Amino acid sequence: MKRQTMPGGEQGFTLVETVITMVLAVMMLYGLHATLNTSIKGRKAAQKLSVAHAHAMDFLNRLRQITFGQAGDPAPTSSQLDELFNDDQNLGNITLHQLVVAPSAPGYTFDMHQGGTNGTWRVKVSRDLNHNGVIDGLREGREDLLGIEIWFNGKLMAASMRAADPDFTTKD
């Protein structure tokens, strides 16, 4: 493209060159904005997941602290569940065996709205130690070994196993 010479011998940009440069600059700025937006959303999601994981570990620690109980303990009341999973350190008088459900059952579900973890929690305690929904593995189905799962909004956050006190545990 031939440049136009302005009066006085100066050369300038044509309108087409200026428009193309502006379009390229806008496209680059839009790309930068989209990248920054994605980064911010990712950081917020990671923070929420981190807070949810901390809550899940707190729930798991609570389940490790309560007494094991007996296999015939009655199902928990809603007030016992509220006391166990509320935000204070009083765990109430619930036993772990009260929380046991069938391997195919979903467990106990509750909503929690605190600390950035607005969502649905599900706590499952069963004799299914490998968390596959059936009792088919070695040591599964015993009264002295229980599997624990903590879910948040449909995502498994923590899984563990708990054994009764050694005096009440079957020796293999």
Protein backbone atom coordinates (compact mmCIF):
# COMPACT_ATOMS: atom_id res chain seq x y z
CA MET A 1 0.00 0.00 0.00
CA LYS A 2 1.37 3.34 -0.96
CA ARG A 3 1.64 5.92 1.78
CA GLN A 4 0.18 9.32 1.28
CA THR A 5 2.50 12.19 1.76
CA MET A 6 1.04 15.02 3.77
CA PRO A 7 1.76 18.65 3.15
CA GLY A 8 5.15 19.40 4.63
CA GLY A 9 6.52 15.95 3.69
CA GLU A 10 5.14 14.03 6.71
CA GLN A 11 3.67 10.56 6.28
CA GLY A 12 0.67 9.29 8.29
CA PHE A 13 -1.48 6.20 8.79
CA THR A 14 -4.42 5.49 6.61
CA LEU A 15 -7.87 5.01 8.08
CA VAL A 16 -7.76 1.29 7.22
CA GLU A 17 -4.47 0.81 9.11
CA THR A 18 -5.83 2.65 12.12
CA VAL A 19 -9.04 0.58 12.19
CA ILE A 20 -7.13 -2.72 11.88
CA THR A 21 -4.82 -1.70 14.73
CA MET A 22 -7.79 -0.77 16.92
CA VAL A 23 -9.57 -4.07 16.17
CA LEU A 24 -6.42 -6.05 17.09
CA ALA A 25 -6.00 -4.05 20.31
CA VAL A 26 -9.64 -4.66 21.30
CA MET A 27 -9.29 -8.39 20.59
CA MET A 28 -6.15 -8.60 22.74
CA LEU A 29 -7.78 -6.69 25.59
CA TYR A 30 -10.86 -8.93 25.41
CA GLY A 31 -8.63 -12.02 25.58
CA LEU A 32 -6.80 -10.59 28.58
CA HIS A 33 -10.12 -9.77 30.27
CA ALA A 34 -11.49 -13.29 29.64
CA THR A 35 -8.31 -14.87 31.05
CA LEU A 36 -8.46 -12.70 34.16
CA ASN A 37 -12.16 -13.48 34.65
CA THR A 38 -11.51 -17.23 34.38
CA SER A 39 -8.67 -16.93 36.87
CA ILE A 40 -10.86 -15.10 39.39
CA LYS A 41 -13.65 -17.69 39.05
CA GLY A 42 -11.14 -20.52 39.47
CA ARG A 43 -9.69 -18.94 42.61
CA LYS A 44 -13.16 -18.53 44.13
CA ALA A 45 -14.05 -22.15 43.32
CA ALA A 46 -10.77 -23.33 44.86
CA GLN A 47 -11.45 -21.28 48.00
CA LYS A 48 -14.96 -22.73 48.30
CA LEU A 49 -13.60 -26.25 47.84
CA SER A 50 -10.91 -25.61 50.45
CA VAL A 51 -13.47 -24.38 53.00
CA ALA A 52 -15.75 -27.33 52.21
CA HIS A 53 -12.84 -29.74 52.66
CA ALA A 54 -12.04 -28.17 56.05
CA HIS A 55 -15.67 -28.65 57.12
CA ALA A 56 -15.57 -32.25 55.89
CA MET A 57 -12.46 -32.92 57.95
CA ASP A 58 -14.17 -31.33 60.97
CA PHE A 59 -17.18 -33.63 60.49
CA LEU A 60 -14.86 -36.63 60.12
CA ASN A 61 -13.03 -35.68 63.33
CA ARG A 62 -16.37 -35.38 65.13
CA LEU A 63 -17.27 -38.90 64.00
CA ARG A 64 -13.91 -40.14 65.27
CA GLN A 65 -14.54 -38.59 68.70
CA ILE A 66 -18.00 -39.97 69.46
CA THR A 67 -18.38 -43.32 71.16
CA PHE A 68 -18.70 -46.41 69.01
CA GLY A 69 -21.83 -47.67 70.77
CA GLN A 70 -23.63 -50.96 70.20
CA ALA A 71 -25.04 -52.44 67.00
CA GLY A 72 -28.58 -52.22 68.42
CA ASP A 73 -28.50 -48.49 69.19
CA PRO A 74 -31.66 -46.73 67.92
CA ALA A 75 -31.63 -44.45 64.89
CA PRO A 76 -30.62 -40.89 65.74
CA THR A 77 -33.16 -38.16 66.31
CA SER A 78 -33.00 -34.94 64.30
CA SER A 79 -31.92 -33.04 67.44
CA GLN A 80 -29.03 -35.49 67.97
CA LEU A 81 -27.92 -34.97 64.36
CA ASP A 82 -28.21 -31.19 64.72
CA GLU A 83 -26.11 -31.29 67.89
CA LEU A 84 -23.44 -33.46 66.24
CA PHE A 85 -23.04 -31.33 63.10
CA ASN A 86 -23.69 -27.80 64.37
CA ASP A 87 -20.85 -25.30 64.71
CA ASP A 88 -20.10 -25.74 68.42
CA GLN A 89 -17.80 -28.29 70.02
CA ASN A 90 -20.57 -30.11 71.92
CA LEU A 91 -21.09 -33.42 70.10
CA GLY A 92 -24.13 -34.46 72.11
CA ASN A 93 -24.84 -38.04 73.14
CA ILE A 94 -25.05 -39.81 69.79
CA THR A 95 -23.09 -43.01 69.06
CA LEU A 96 -21.48 -44.03 65.81
CA HIS A 97 -23.68 -47.12 65.55
CA GLN A 98 -26.76 -44.88 65.60
CA LEU A 99 -25.57 -43.41 62.30
CA VAL A 100 -25.09 -46.76 60.53
CA VAL A 101 -27.19 -47.17 57.38
CA ALA A 102 -27.43 -49.91 54.77
CA PRO A 103 -24.60 -49.87 52.19
CA SER A 104 -27.00 -48.81 49.43
CA ALA A 105 -28.63 -46.04 51.53
CA PRO A 106 -27.52 -42.44 50.99
CA GLY A 107 -26.95 -41.63 54.67
CA TYR A 108 -27.97 -38.48 56.53
CA THR A 109 -28.42 -35.27 54.56
CA PHE A 110 -28.50 -31.70 55.86
CA ASP A 111 -28.10 -28.20 54.47
CA MET A 112 -25.53 -25.83 55.88
CA HIS A 113 -25.19 -22.12 55.20
CA GLN A 114 -22.05 -20.84 56.85
CA GLY A 115 -18.53 -19.86 55.98
CA GLY A 116 -18.93 -19.96 52.21
CA THR A 117 -20.15 -23.56 52.18
CA ASN A 118 -23.76 -23.06 51.22
CA GLY A 119 -24.91 -26.45 50.11
CA THR A 120 -26.04 -29.95 50.96
CA TRP A 121 -23.95 -32.25 53.10
CA ARG A 122 -24.38 -36.00 53.27
CA VAL A 123 -22.81 -38.18 55.95
CA LYS A 124 -22.87 -41.93 55.51
CA VAL A 125 -21.69 -44.49 58.05
CA SER A 126 -22.02 -48.13 56.99
CA ARG A 127 -20.38 -51.54 57.16
CA ASP A 128 -19.32 -51.05 53.52
CA LEU A 129 -15.60 -50.40 54.00
CA ASN A 130 -14.62 -49.94 50.35
CA HIS A 131 -17.59 -47.61 49.66
CA ASN A 132 -18.87 -49.55 46.63
CA GLY A 133 -22.48 -49.85 47.86
CA VAL A 134 -22.40 -53.57 48.70
CA ILE A 135 -20.88 -55.71 51.41
CA ASP A 136 -18.60 -58.01 49.47
CA GLY A 137 -15.07 -57.30 50.64
CA LEU A 138 -12.85 -58.82 53.25
CA ARG A 139 -13.86 -57.61 56.75
CA GLU A 140 -17.03 -55.89 55.47
CA GLY A 141 -20.25 -56.42 57.37
CA ARG A 142 -18.59 -56.66 60.78
CA GLU A 143 -19.99 -54.81 63.79
CA ASP A 144 -16.55 -53.56 64.85
CA LEU A 145 -15.50 -51.87 61.57
CA LEU A 146 -17.40 -49.00 59.94
CA GLY A 147 -16.80 -46.98 56.78
CA ILE A 148 -17.44 -43.24 56.82
CA GLU A 149 -18.13 -40.98 53.83
CA ILE A 150 -18.60 -37.19 53.85
CA TRP A 151 -20.18 -35.63 50.72
CA PHE A 152 -20.73 -31.97 49.79
CA ASN A 153 -23.06 -31.06 46.93
CA GLY A 154 -22.73 -34.56 45.48
CA LYS A 155 -18.93 -34.66 45.66
CA LEU A 156 -17.06 -37.02 47.97
CA MET A 157 -14.94 -34.82 50.26
CA ALA A 158 -13.59 -37.37 52.75
CA ALA A 159 -13.73 -41.11 53.38
CA SER A 160 -12.37 -43.07 56.27
CA MET A 161 -12.81 -46.17 58.35
CA ARG A 162 -13.23 -46.53 62.08
CA ALA A 163 -12.69 -49.58 64.28
CA ALA A 164 -14.11 -50.23 67.71
CA ASP A 165 -11.84 -50.17 70.73
CA PRO A 166 -9.27 -52.99 70.56
CA ASP A 167 -11.01 -54.89 73.39
CA PHE A 168 -14.15 -55.13 71.24
CA THR A 169 -12.51 -55.75 67.86
CA THR A 170 -12.44 -59.17 66.21
CA LYS A 171 -8.93 -60.48 65.70
CA ASP A 172 -8.20 -61.68 62.15
